[in-house]
């Protein structure tokens, strides 16, 4: 099932890697920094959801919008844009694995 862009879902977000369709969407942008202390699991705190982007910064294409409460994984990689850290995150949403950039301002470890 493809992600339709709707945040209204009948099921809560789950890690469905074992039942995954094998589909993966990966950003073409590259992280420019590494900080081991950033690595870990984060939860989306943005009230209206969070855009995960193709590269760091709000001027880049949105890969997917994920709802508040979604868990994402970071392995320490990030890019700094305008004083804001954009974490390079990986997560599974609606059976698709996404790898992209999300603003650390809306993520809580």
Protein backbone atom coordinates (compact mmCIF):
# COMPACT_ATOMS: atom_id res chain seq x y z
CA UNK A 1 0.00 0.00 0.00
CA UNK A 2 1.43 3.37 -0.99
CA UNK A 3 1.49 6.31 1.40
CA UNK A 4 -1.22 8.66 0.17
CA UNK A 5 0.00 11.77 1.97
CA UNK A 6 -2.94 11.61 4.37
CA UNK A 7 -2.11 11.71 8.07
CA UNK A 8 -5.43 10.04 8.90
CA UNK A 9 -4.48 6.41 9.38
CA UNK A 10 -6.57 3.51 10.59
CA UNK A 11 -3.54 1.93 12.25
CA UNK A 12 -0.96 3.53 14.53
CA UNK A 13 2.59 3.80 13.19
CA UNK A 14 4.47 0.55 13.74
CA UNK A 15 7.82 -0.84 12.79
CA UNK A 16 6.70 -3.29 10.14
CA UNK A 17 10.15 -4.24 8.87
CA UNK A 18 9.41 -7.97 9.11
CA UNK A 19 6.19 -7.53 7.10
CA UNK A 20 7.63 -4.80 4.90
CA UNK A 21 6.98 -4.66 1.19
CA UNK A 22 10.71 -4.13 0.74
CA UNK A 23 10.10 -0.62 -0.56
CA UNK A 24 12.61 2.01 0.48
CA UNK A 25 12.68 5.76 -0.14
CA UNK A 26 16.10 7.27 0.43
CA UNK A 27 17.16 10.92 0.36
CA UNK A 28 19.79 11.96 -2.14
CA UNK A 29 21.18 14.60 0.25
CA UNK A 30 24.30 13.75 2.24
CA UNK A 31 24.92 14.37 5.95
CA UNK A 32 27.92 16.63 6.51
CA UNK A 33 28.54 16.00 10.21
CA UNK A 34 28.78 13.19 12.74
CA UNK A 35 28.25 13.35 16.50
CA UNK A 36 28.03 10.01 18.30
CA UNK A 37 26.04 11.63 21.13
CA UNK A 38 23.16 12.34 18.71
CA UNK A 39 22.66 8.65 17.93
CA UNK A 40 19.48 7.10 19.28
CA UNK A 41 15.72 6.85 18.94
CA UNK A 42 13.71 10.06 18.66
CA UNK A 43 9.99 10.81 18.83
CA UNK A 44 8.31 13.40 16.61
CA UNK A 45 6.99 16.29 18.75
CA UNK A 46 5.59 18.58 16.01
CA UNK A 47 1.86 19.00 16.68
CA UNK A 48 0.88 18.93 13.00
CA UNK A 49 3.44 16.27 12.02
CA UNK A 50 6.95 16.49 10.64
CA UNK A 51 8.22 16.70 7.08
CA UNK A 52 11.09 14.36 6.30
CA UNK A 53 13.09 15.83 3.43
CA UNK A 54 15.36 14.79 0.57
CA UNK A 55 18.16 16.99 1.97
CA UNK A 56 18.65 19.23 5.01
CA UNK A 57 16.71 22.51 4.99
CA UNK A 58 13.13 23.65 4.44
CA UNK A 59 13.79 24.46 0.78
CA UNK A 60 14.24 20.76 -0.11
CA UNK A 61 11.62 18.30 -1.36
CA UNK A 62 9.42 16.55 1.23
CA UNK A 63 9.70 12.74 1.05
CA UNK A 64 6.91 12.09 3.56
CA UNK A 65 5.03 13.83 6.38
CA UNK A 66 4.88 11.75 9.56
CA UNK A 67 2.51 12.23 12.50
CA UNK A 68 3.39 13.33 16.03
CA UNK A 69 4.54 10.38 18.12
CA UNK A 70 6.29 8.55 15.26
CA UNK A 71 9.63 7.04 16.30
CA UNK A 72 12.72 7.55 14.11
CA UNK A 73 16.31 6.31 14.42
CA UNK A 74 19.45 8.42 14.06
CA UNK A 75 22.95 7.00 13.95
CA UNK A 76 24.78 10.26 14.71
CA UNK A 77 24.72 11.82 11.23
CA UNK A 78 23.39 15.33 10.65
CA UNK A 79 23.73 18.53 8.62
CA UNK A 80 23.70 22.04 10.07
CA UNK A 81 21.54 24.57 8.16
CA UNK A 82 20.98 28.09 9.51
CA UNK A 83 21.98 27.06 13.01
CA UNK A 84 19.53 24.12 13.05
CA UNK A 85 20.63 20.48 13.11
CA UNK A 86 18.87 18.33 10.54
CA UNK A 87 19.18 14.71 11.61
CA UNK A 88 19.61 11.97 9.04
CA UNK A 89 16.91 9.55 10.18
CA UNK A 90 15.57 6.12 9.25
CA UNK A 91 12.12 4.73 10.03
CA UNK A 92 9.34 2.56 8.64
CA UNK A 93 5.95 4.15 8.01
CA UNK A 94 2.98 2.40 6.39
CA UNK A 95 5.22 -0.48 5.27
CA UNK A 96 7.81 1.75 3.56
CA UNK A 97 11.29 2.41 4.96
CA UNK A 98 12.30 6.06 4.68
CA UNK A 99 15.77 7.53 5.07
CA UNK A 100 15.91 11.32 5.05
CA UNK A 101 16.43 14.56 6.95
CA UNK A 102 14.25 15.90 9.77
CA UNK A 103 14.73 19.04 11.86
CA UNK A 104 16.05 18.21 15.34
CA UNK A 105 13.83 21.07 16.62
CA UNK A 106 10.83 18.72 16.33
CA UNK A 107 12.44 15.52 17.61
CA UNK A 108 12.87 14.44 21.23
CA UNK A 109 15.34 11.76 22.27
